[in-house]
Amino acid sequence: MTYLIDSSIWLERMLEQERTGEVRDFLNRVPDHRLALTDFAFYSICLISLGADAKETLETFIQDTFVNGQVARLSIAPGNVSQVLTAMQRFGLDFDDGYQYVAAEQHDLDLVSFDEDFDDTERGRLTPEQVLQRLDENQQLDDEK
């Protein structure tokens, strides 16, 4: 795994919001076995999708991501929630962002999100566009060898 994908990324694509093309390109280029999301993000996606009357979209997401795909689902053990609380206090995050941050930290993953709250953390965040730029730069380096 390489990237922990925040719910903002998945929802952008599922609900066809402003940056859906950027997310589509990202998901098309990064192999799904290099992607993860937390159980917290998964259930948030479920709740938001159902609230947006997007049940079929949610079912497609589950099928593509977990049944046919290889996206990993990560959890934080209840005994480690204190780390989430520490991250919340340290960086001024709310609970869901603290959860994502600690999961990325525990698994040494790059956090991909549109949420700017992560910008003030030690780990920071990447947007899908930034990941694609890195992939292009690495490809250019490989081509020059």
N, C-alpha and C. Protein backbone atom coordinates (compact mmCIF):
# COMPACT_ATOMS: atom_id res chain seq x y z
N MET A 1 0.83 -1.19 0.00
CA MET A 1 0.00 0.00 0.00
C MET A 1 0.87 1.25 0.00
N THR A 2 0.34 2.26 -0.58
CA THR A 2 1.07 3.52 -0.63
C THR A 2 0.22 4.70 -0.18
N TYR A 3 -1.06 4.70 -0.51
CA TYR A 3 -1.89 5.88 -0.30
C TYR A 3 -3.13 5.56 0.53
N LEU A 4 -3.37 6.40 1.54
CA LEU A 4 -4.62 6.34 2.28
C LEU A 4 -5.54 7.40 1.68
N ILE A 5 -6.66 6.97 1.14
CA ILE A 5 -7.55 7.86 0.42
C ILE A 5 -8.67 8.32 1.34
N ASP A 6 -8.74 9.61 1.57
CA ASP A 6 -9.75 10.21 2.42
C ASP A 6 -11.12 10.14 1.75
N SER A 7 -12.16 10.16 2.55
CA SER A 7 -13.51 10.08 2.00
C SER A 7 -13.81 11.22 1.02
N SER A 8 -13.17 12.38 1.19
CA SER A 8 -13.42 13.50 0.28
C SER A 8 -13.08 13.15 -1.16
N ILE A 9 -12.09 12.30 -1.34
CA ILE A 9 -11.67 11.90 -2.69
C ILE A 9 -12.71 10.98 -3.32
N TRP A 10 -13.08 9.94 -2.58
CA TRP A 10 -14.07 8.99 -3.10
C TRP A 10 -15.39 9.70 -3.40
N LEU A 11 -15.83 10.55 -2.47
CA LEU A 11 -17.12 11.22 -2.65
C LEU A 11 -17.10 12.20 -3.82
N GLU A 12 -15.97 12.83 -4.05
CA GLU A 12 -15.85 13.74 -5.19
C GLU A 12 -16.21 13.02 -6.48
N ARG A 13 -15.70 11.81 -6.62
CA ARG A 13 -15.95 11.02 -7.83
C ARG A 13 -17.37 10.44 -7.83
N MET A 14 -17.76 9.87 -6.71
CA MET A 14 -19.06 9.21 -6.65
C MET A 14 -20.22 10.17 -6.89
N LEU A 15 -20.09 11.37 -6.35
CA LEU A 15 -21.17 12.36 -6.46
C LEU A 15 -20.94 13.34 -7.62
N GLU A 16 -19.93 13.04 -8.45
CA GLU A 16 -19.61 13.81 -9.65
C GLU A 16 -19.52 15.30 -9.36
N GLN A 17 -18.65 15.63 -8.42
CA GLN A 17 -18.47 17.02 -8.03
C GLN A 17 -17.40 17.68 -8.90
N GLU A 18 -17.00 18.87 -8.53
CA GLU A 18 -16.14 19.73 -9.36
C GLU A 18 -14.84 19.08 -9.83
N ARG A 19 -14.19 18.32 -8.97
CA ARG A 19 -12.88 17.75 -9.32
C ARG A 19 -12.96 16.25 -9.65
N THR A 20 -14.11 15.83 -10.13
CA THR A 20 -14.31 14.41 -10.42
C THR A 20 -13.33 13.90 -11.49
N GLY A 21 -12.99 14.73 -12.46
CA GLY A 21 -12.04 14.32 -13.51
C GLY A 21 -10.67 14.03 -12.95
N GLU A 22 -10.22 14.87 -12.03
CA GLU A 22 -8.92 14.68 -11.38
C GLU A 22 -8.90 13.35 -10.61
N VAL A 23 -10.00 13.08 -9.91
CA VAL A 23 -10.09 11.83 -9.14
C VAL A 23 -10.15 10.64 -10.08
N ARG A 24 -10.92 10.75 -11.16
CA ARG A 24 -11.01 9.67 -12.14
C ARG A 24 -9.63 9.32 -12.69
N ASP A 25 -8.87 10.35 -13.08
CA ASP A 25 -7.53 10.12 -13.62
C ASP A 25 -6.64 9.44 -12.58
N PHE A 26 -6.72 9.90 -11.35
CA PHE A 26 -5.94 9.32 -10.26
C PHE A 26 -6.29 7.84 -10.07
N LEU A 27 -7.57 7.54 -9.98
CA LEU A 27 -8.00 6.15 -9.75
C LEU A 27 -7.68 5.26 -10.95
N ASN A 28 -7.67 5.82 -12.15
CA ASN A 28 -7.32 5.04 -13.34
C ASN A 28 -5.83 4.74 -13.42
N ARG A 29 -5.00 5.60 -12.86
CA ARG A 29 -3.54 5.43 -12.99
C ARG A 29 -2.89 4.72 -11.82
N VAL A 30 -3.46 4.83 -10.64
CA VAL A 30 -2.84 4.20 -9.47
C VAL A 30 -3.50 2.84 -9.25
N PRO A 31 -2.72 1.77 -9.26
CA PRO A 31 -3.30 0.44 -9.05
C PRO A 31 -4.03 0.37 -7.71
N ASP A 32 -5.20 -0.28 -7.72
CA ASP A 32 -6.01 -0.29 -6.50
C ASP A 32 -5.34 -1.01 -5.34
N HIS A 33 -4.39 -1.91 -5.60
CA HIS A 33 -3.71 -2.57 -4.49
C HIS A 33 -2.77 -1.62 -3.75
N ARG A 34 -2.58 -0.42 -4.28
CA ARG A 34 -1.76 0.60 -3.61
C ARG A 34 -2.63 1.62 -2.88
N LEU A 35 -3.92 1.34 -2.77
CA LEU A 35 -4.87 2.25 -2.14
C LEU A 35 -5.46 1.63 -0.88
N ALA A 36 -5.78 2.48 0.06
CA ALA A 36 -6.46 2.04 1.29
C ALA A 36 -7.43 3.12 1.72
N LEU A 37 -8.43 2.73 2.48
CA LEU A 37 -9.28 3.68 3.17
C LEU A 37 -9.61 3.10 4.53
N THR A 38 -9.95 3.96 5.44
CA THR A 38 -10.25 3.49 6.79
C THR A 38 -11.70 3.04 6.86
N ASP A 39 -11.98 2.21 7.87
CA ASP A 39 -13.35 1.81 8.11
C ASP A 39 -14.21 3.04 8.40
N PHE A 40 -13.64 4.02 9.11
CA PHE A 40 -14.37 5.25 9.41
C PHE A 40 -14.76 5.96 8.12
N ALA A 41 -13.83 6.09 7.19
CA ALA A 41 -14.12 6.74 5.91
C ALA A 41 -15.16 5.94 5.12
N PHE A 42 -15.04 4.61 5.16
CA PHE A 42 -15.98 3.76 4.44
C PHE A 42 -17.42 4.00 4.91
N TYR A 43 -17.61 3.98 6.23
CA TYR A 43 -18.97 4.17 6.74
C TYR A 43 -19.45 5.61 6.54
N SER A 44 -18.55 6.56 6.56
CA SER A 44 -18.93 7.95 6.25
C SER A 44 -19.41 8.05 4.81
N ILE A 45 -18.70 7.39 3.91
CA ILE A 45 -19.10 7.37 2.50
C ILE A 45 -20.49 6.75 2.35
N CYS A 46 -20.73 5.67 3.08
CA CYS A 46 -22.05 5.02 3.04
C CYS A 46 -23.14 5.99 3.49
N LEU A 47 -22.93 6.63 4.63
CA LEU A 47 -23.95 7.55 5.16
C LEU A 47 -24.19 8.73 4.23
N ILE A 48 -23.14 9.33 3.72
CA ILE A 48 -23.28 10.49 2.84
C ILE A 48 -23.94 10.09 1.52
N SER A 49 -23.57 8.95 0.98
CA SER A 49 -24.16 8.48 -0.28
C SER A 49 -25.65 8.22 -0.12
N LEU A 50 -26.02 7.58 0.97
CA LEU A 50 -27.44 7.31 1.19
C LEU A 50 -28.21 8.59 1.43
N GLY A 51 -27.60 9.56 2.12
CA GLY A 51 -28.24 10.86 2.33
C GLY A 51 -28.41 11.64 1.04
N ALA A 52 -27.55 11.37 0.07
CA ALA A 52 -27.62 12.04 -1.24
C ALA A 52 -28.45 11.23 -2.23
N ASP A 53 -29.15 10.22 -1.72
CA ASP A 53 -29.98 9.34 -2.55
C ASP A 53 -29.17 8.70 -3.68
N ALA A 54 -27.98 8.22 -3.32
CA ALA A 54 -27.07 7.62 -4.30
C ALA A 54 -26.80 6.15 -3.95
N LYS A 55 -27.86 5.40 -3.67
CA LYS A 55 -27.72 4.00 -3.27
C LYS A 55 -27.04 3.17 -4.36
N GLU A 56 -27.44 3.33 -5.59
CA GLU A 56 -26.83 2.56 -6.68
C GLU A 56 -25.35 2.90 -6.84
N THR A 57 -25.03 4.18 -6.70
CA THR A 57 -23.63 4.61 -6.78
C THR A 57 -22.82 3.97 -5.66
N LEU A 58 -23.40 3.91 -4.47
CA LEU A 58 -22.73 3.27 -3.33
C LEU A 58 -22.50 1.79 -3.60
N GLU A 59 -23.51 1.11 -4.12
CA GLU A 59 -23.36 -0.31 -4.42
C GLU A 59 -22.26 -0.54 -5.46
N THR A 60 -22.19 0.31 -6.46
CA THR A 60 -21.14 0.21 -7.48
C THR A 60 -19.77 0.45 -6.85
N PHE A 61 -19.69 1.45 -5.98
CA PHE A 61 -18.43 1.74 -5.27
C PHE A 61 -17.96 0.53 -4.48
N ILE A 62 -18.84 -0.09 -3.73
CA ILE A 62 -18.48 -1.26 -2.92
C ILE A 62 -18.03 -2.40 -3.83
N GLN A 63 -18.75 -2.64 -4.90
CA GLN A 63 -18.40 -3.71 -5.83
C GLN A 63 -17.04 -3.46 -6.47
N ASP A 64 -16.82 -2.24 -6.97
CA ASP A 64 -15.57 -1.92 -7.66
C ASP A 64 -14.37 -1.88 -6.72
N THR A 65 -14.59 -1.40 -5.52
CA THR A 65 -13.50 -1.16 -4.58
C THR A 65 -13.08 -2.40 -3.81
N PHE A 66 -14.06 -3.16 -3.35
CA PHE A 66 -13.75 -4.28 -2.46
C PHE A 66 -14.01 -5.66 -3.06
N VAL A 67 -15.11 -5.81 -3.78
CA VAL A 67 -15.45 -7.13 -4.32
C VAL A 67 -14.56 -7.45 -5.52
N ASN A 68 -14.52 -6.53 -6.49
CA ASN A 68 -13.68 -6.73 -7.68
C ASN A 68 -12.31 -6.09 -7.53
N GLY A 69 -12.18 -5.15 -6.61
CA GLY A 69 -10.93 -4.43 -6.42
C GLY A 69 -10.15 -4.94 -5.23
N GLN A 70 -8.99 -4.34 -5.04
CA GLN A 70 -8.08 -4.76 -3.98
C GLN A 70 -7.75 -3.62 -3.02
N VAL A 71 -8.65 -2.67 -2.86
CA VAL A 71 -8.42 -1.57 -1.94
C VAL A 71 -8.50 -2.11 -0.52
N ALA A 72 -7.50 -1.79 0.29
CA ALA A 72 -7.45 -2.27 1.68
C ALA A 72 -8.32 -1.38 2.57
N ARG A 73 -8.92 -2.00 3.56
CA ARG A 73 -9.68 -1.26 4.56
C ARG A 73 -8.96 -1.37 5.89
N LEU A 74 -8.64 -0.23 6.48
CA LEU A 74 -7.84 -0.17 7.69
C LEU A 74 -8.68 0.29 8.88
N SER A 75 -8.30 -0.20 10.05
CA SER A 75 -8.97 0.19 11.30
C SER A 75 -7.95 0.63 12.32
N ILE A 76 -8.41 1.41 13.26
CA ILE A 76 -7.61 1.76 14.42
C ILE A 76 -8.22 1.03 15.61
N ALA A 77 -7.41 0.29 16.32
CA ALA A 77 -7.89 -0.47 17.46
C ALA A 77 -8.41 0.49 18.54
N PRO A 78 -9.46 0.10 19.26
CA PRO A 78 -9.98 0.97 20.31
C PRO A 78 -8.92 1.45 21.30
N GLY A 79 -7.95 0.60 21.58
CA GLY A 79 -6.89 0.99 22.50
C GLY A 79 -5.98 2.08 21.96
N ASN A 80 -6.07 2.35 20.66
CA ASN A 80 -5.24 3.38 20.03
C ASN A 80 -5.99 4.68 19.74
N VAL A 81 -7.23 4.75 20.17
CA VAL A 81 -8.01 5.97 19.94
C VAL A 81 -7.37 7.16 20.66
N SER A 82 -6.63 6.89 21.72
CA SER A 82 -5.93 7.99 22.41
C SER A 82 -4.97 8.70 21.46
N GLN A 83 -4.41 7.98 20.49
CA GLN A 83 -3.54 8.61 19.50
C GLN A 83 -4.33 9.57 18.61
N VAL A 84 -5.57 9.19 18.32
CA VAL A 84 -6.45 10.07 17.54
C VAL A 84 -6.71 11.36 18.32
N LEU A 85 -7.00 11.21 19.61
CA LEU A 85 -7.27 12.37 20.45
C LEU A 85 -6.04 13.27 20.55
N THR A 86 -4.87 12.66 20.62
CA THR A 86 -3.63 13.44 20.65
C THR A 86 -3.44 14.21 19.35
N ALA A 87 -3.67 13.55 18.22
CA ALA A 87 -3.54 14.22 16.91
C ALA A 87 -4.55 15.36 16.78
N MET A 88 -5.75 15.14 17.29
CA MET A 88 -6.78 16.19 17.25
C MET A 88 -6.29 17.43 17.98
N GLN A 89 -5.78 17.21 19.18
CA GLN A 89 -5.33 18.34 20.00
C GLN A 89 -4.09 19.00 19.40
N ARG A 90 -3.16 18.19 18.96
CA ARG A 90 -1.89 18.69 18.46
C ARG A 90 -2.03 19.52 17.18
N PHE A 91 -2.91 19.07 16.29
CA PHE A 91 -3.02 19.71 14.98
C PHE A 91 -4.35 20.44 14.75
N GLY A 92 -5.22 20.44 15.75
CA GLY A 92 -6.51 21.12 15.60
C GLY A 92 -7.44 20.42 14.63
N LEU A 93 -7.41 19.09 14.63
CA LEU A 93 -8.25 18.30 13.73
C LEU A 93 -9.54 17.90 14.42
N ASP A 94 -10.58 17.61 13.64
CA ASP A 94 -11.76 16.99 14.22
C ASP A 94 -11.52 15.48 14.27
N PHE A 95 -12.48 14.73 14.81
CA PHE A 95 -12.24 13.31 15.05
C PHE A 95 -11.97 12.54 13.76
N ASP A 96 -12.77 12.77 12.73
CA ASP A 96 -12.57 11.98 11.51
C ASP A 96 -11.22 12.28 10.87
N ASP A 97 -10.78 13.53 10.89
CA ASP A 97 -9.46 13.84 10.34
C ASP A 97 -8.35 13.26 11.21
N GLY A 98 -8.54 13.31 12.52
CA GLY A 98 -7.56 12.70 13.42
C GLY A 98 -7.45 11.20 13.18
N TYR A 99 -8.57 10.56 12.92
CA TYR A 99 -8.60 9.13 12.64
C TYR A 99 -7.80 8.82 11.36
N GLN A 100 -8.05 9.61 10.31
CA GLN A 100 -7.33 9.40 9.05
C GLN A 100 -5.83 9.62 9.24
N TYR A 101 -5.50 10.66 9.98
CA TYR A 101 -4.10 11.00 10.20
C TYR A 101 -3.36 9.87 10.92
N VAL A 102 -3.96 9.36 11.98
CA VAL A 102 -3.32 8.29 12.76
C VAL A 102 -3.23 7.01 11.93
N ALA A 103 -4.25 6.69 11.16
CA ALA A 103 -4.19 5.50 10.30
C ALA A 103 -3.05 5.63 9.29
N ALA A 104 -2.91 6.80 8.69
CA ALA A 104 -1.81 7.02 7.74
C ALA A 104 -0.46 6.88 8.44
N GLU A 105 -0.38 7.41 9.65
CA GLU A 105 0.86 7.34 10.42
C GLU A 105 1.19 5.89 10.80
N GLN A 106 0.20 5.15 11.28
CA GLN A 106 0.43 3.77 11.70
C GLN A 106 0.89 2.88 10.56
N HIS A 107 0.41 3.14 9.37
CA HIS A 107 0.72 2.29 8.22
C HIS A 107 1.72 2.95 7.27
N ASP A 108 2.26 4.08 7.66
CA ASP A 108 3.23 4.84 6.87
C ASP A 108 2.75 5.06 5.43
N LEU A 109 1.55 5.62 5.33
CA LEU A 109 0.93 5.88 4.03
C LEU A 109 0.88 7.38 3.77
N ASP A 110 0.93 7.76 2.51
CA ASP A 110 0.68 9.14 2.12
C ASP A 110 -0.83 9.36 2.14
N LEU A 111 -1.25 10.43 2.75
CA LEU A 111 -2.67 10.76 2.85
C LEU A 111 -3.08 11.58 1.64
N VAL A 112 -4.07 11.10 0.91
CA VAL A 112 -4.59 11.80 -0.27
C VAL A 112 -5.96 12.35 0.10
N SER A 113 -6.08 13.67 0.02
CA SER A 113 -7.31 14.32 0.47
C SER A 113 -7.45 15.69 -0.18
N PHE A 114 -8.68 16.17 -0.23
CA PHE A 114 -8.93 17.56 -0.61
C PHE A 114 -9.06 18.44 0.64
N ASP A 115 -9.01 17.84 1.81
CA ASP A 115 -9.20 18.54 3.08
C ASP A 115 -7.93 19.28 3.48
N GLU A 116 -7.98 20.59 3.46
CA GLU A 116 -6.82 21.42 3.76
C GLU A 116 -6.42 21.38 5.24
N ASP A 117 -7.26 20.81 6.10
CA ASP A 117 -6.91 20.71 7.52
C ASP A 117 -5.63 19.89 7.73
N PHE A 118 -5.33 19.01 6.80
CA PHE A 118 -4.12 18.18 6.93
C PHE A 118 -2.84 18.94 6.59
N ASP A 119 -2.98 20.09 5.97
CA ASP A 119 -1.80 20.86 5.56
C ASP A 119 -0.95 21.32 6.74
N ASP A 120 -1.57 21.48 7.90
CA ASP A 120 -0.85 21.96 9.08
C ASP A 120 -0.32 20.82 9.95
N THR A 121 -0.33 19.60 9.43
CA THR A 121 0.18 18.45 10.18
C THR A 121 1.58 18.10 9.69
N GLU A 122 2.26 17.28 10.46
CA GLU A 122 3.62 16.85 10.06
C GLU A 122 3.61 16.03 8.78
N ARG A 123 2.60 15.21 8.60
CA ARG A 123 2.54 14.35 7.42
C ARG A 123 2.04 15.09 6.19
N GLY A 124 1.23 16.12 6.41
CA GLY A 124 0.66 16.84 5.28
C GLY A 124 -0.33 15.97 4.51
N ARG A 125 -0.56 16.36 3.29
CA ARG A 125 -1.46 15.60 2.42
C ARG A 125 -1.09 15.86 0.98
N LEU A 126 -1.55 14.99 0.13
CA LEU A 126 -1.39 15.14 -1.31
C LEU A 126 -2.78 15.20 -1.93
N THR A 127 -2.91 15.93 -3.01
CA THR A 127 -4.13 15.87 -3.80
C THR A 127 -3.91 14.80 -4.87
N PRO A 128 -4.97 14.32 -5.49
CA PRO A 128 -4.78 13.37 -6.59
C PRO A 128 -3.86 13.93 -7.68
N GLU A 129 -4.01 15.21 -7.99
CA GLU A 129 -3.16 15.83 -9.01
C GLU A 129 -1.68 15.78 -8.62
N GLN A 130 -1.37 16.01 -7.35
CA GLN A 130 0.02 15.95 -6.89
C GLN A 130 0.58 14.53 -7.00
N VAL A 131 -0.23 13.53 -6.71
CA VAL A 131 0.22 12.14 -6.86
C VAL A 131 0.53 11.87 -8.32
N LEU A 132 -0.34 12.31 -9.21
CA LEU A 132 -0.11 12.09 -10.64
C LEU A 132 1.15 12.80 -11.12
N GLN A 133 1.40 13.99 -10.61
CA GLN A 133 2.63 14.71 -10.96
C GLN A 133 3.86 13.92 -10.51
N ARG A 134 3.80 13.35 -9.32
CA ARG A 134 4.92 12.53 -8.83
C ARG A 134 5.13 11.31 -9.71
N LEU A 135 4.03 10.68 -10.10
CA LEU A 135 4.14 9.51 -10.97
C LEU A 135 4.78 9.89 -12.30
N ASP A 136 4.37 11.03 -12.86
CA ASP A 136 4.95 11.50 -14.12
C ASP A 136 6.44 11.80 -13.97
N GLU A 137 6.82 12.44 -12.87
CA GLU A 137 8.23 12.75 -12.62
C GLU A 137 9.05 11.47 -12.49
N ASN A 138 8.52 10.49 -11.78
CA ASN A 138 9.22 9.21 -11.63
C ASN A 138 9.35 8.49 -12.97
N GLN A 139 8.31 8.59 -13.79
CA GLN A 139 8.35 7.96 -15.11
C GLN A 139 9.42 8.62 -15.98
N GLN A 140 9.52 9.95 -15.90
CA GLN A 140 10.54 10.67 -16.67
C GLN A 140 11.94 10.25 -16.23
N LEU A 141 12.13 10.08 -14.92
CA LEU A 141 13.43 9.63 -14.42
C LEU A 141 13.76 8.23 -14.93
N ASP A 142 12.74 7.35 -14.93
CA ASP A 142 12.95 5.99 -15.44
C ASP A 142 13.29 6.02 -16.93
N ASP A 143 12.63 6.89 -17.67
CA ASP A 143 12.88 6.99 -19.11
C ASP A 143 14.28 7.50 -19.42
N GLU A 144 14.84 8.31 -18.52
CA GLU A 144 16.17 8.88 -18.73
C GLU A 144 17.28 7.89 -18.43
N LYS A 145 16.96 6.81 -17.75
CA LYS A 145 17.99 5.82 -17.38
C LYS A 145 18.40 4.97 -18.55
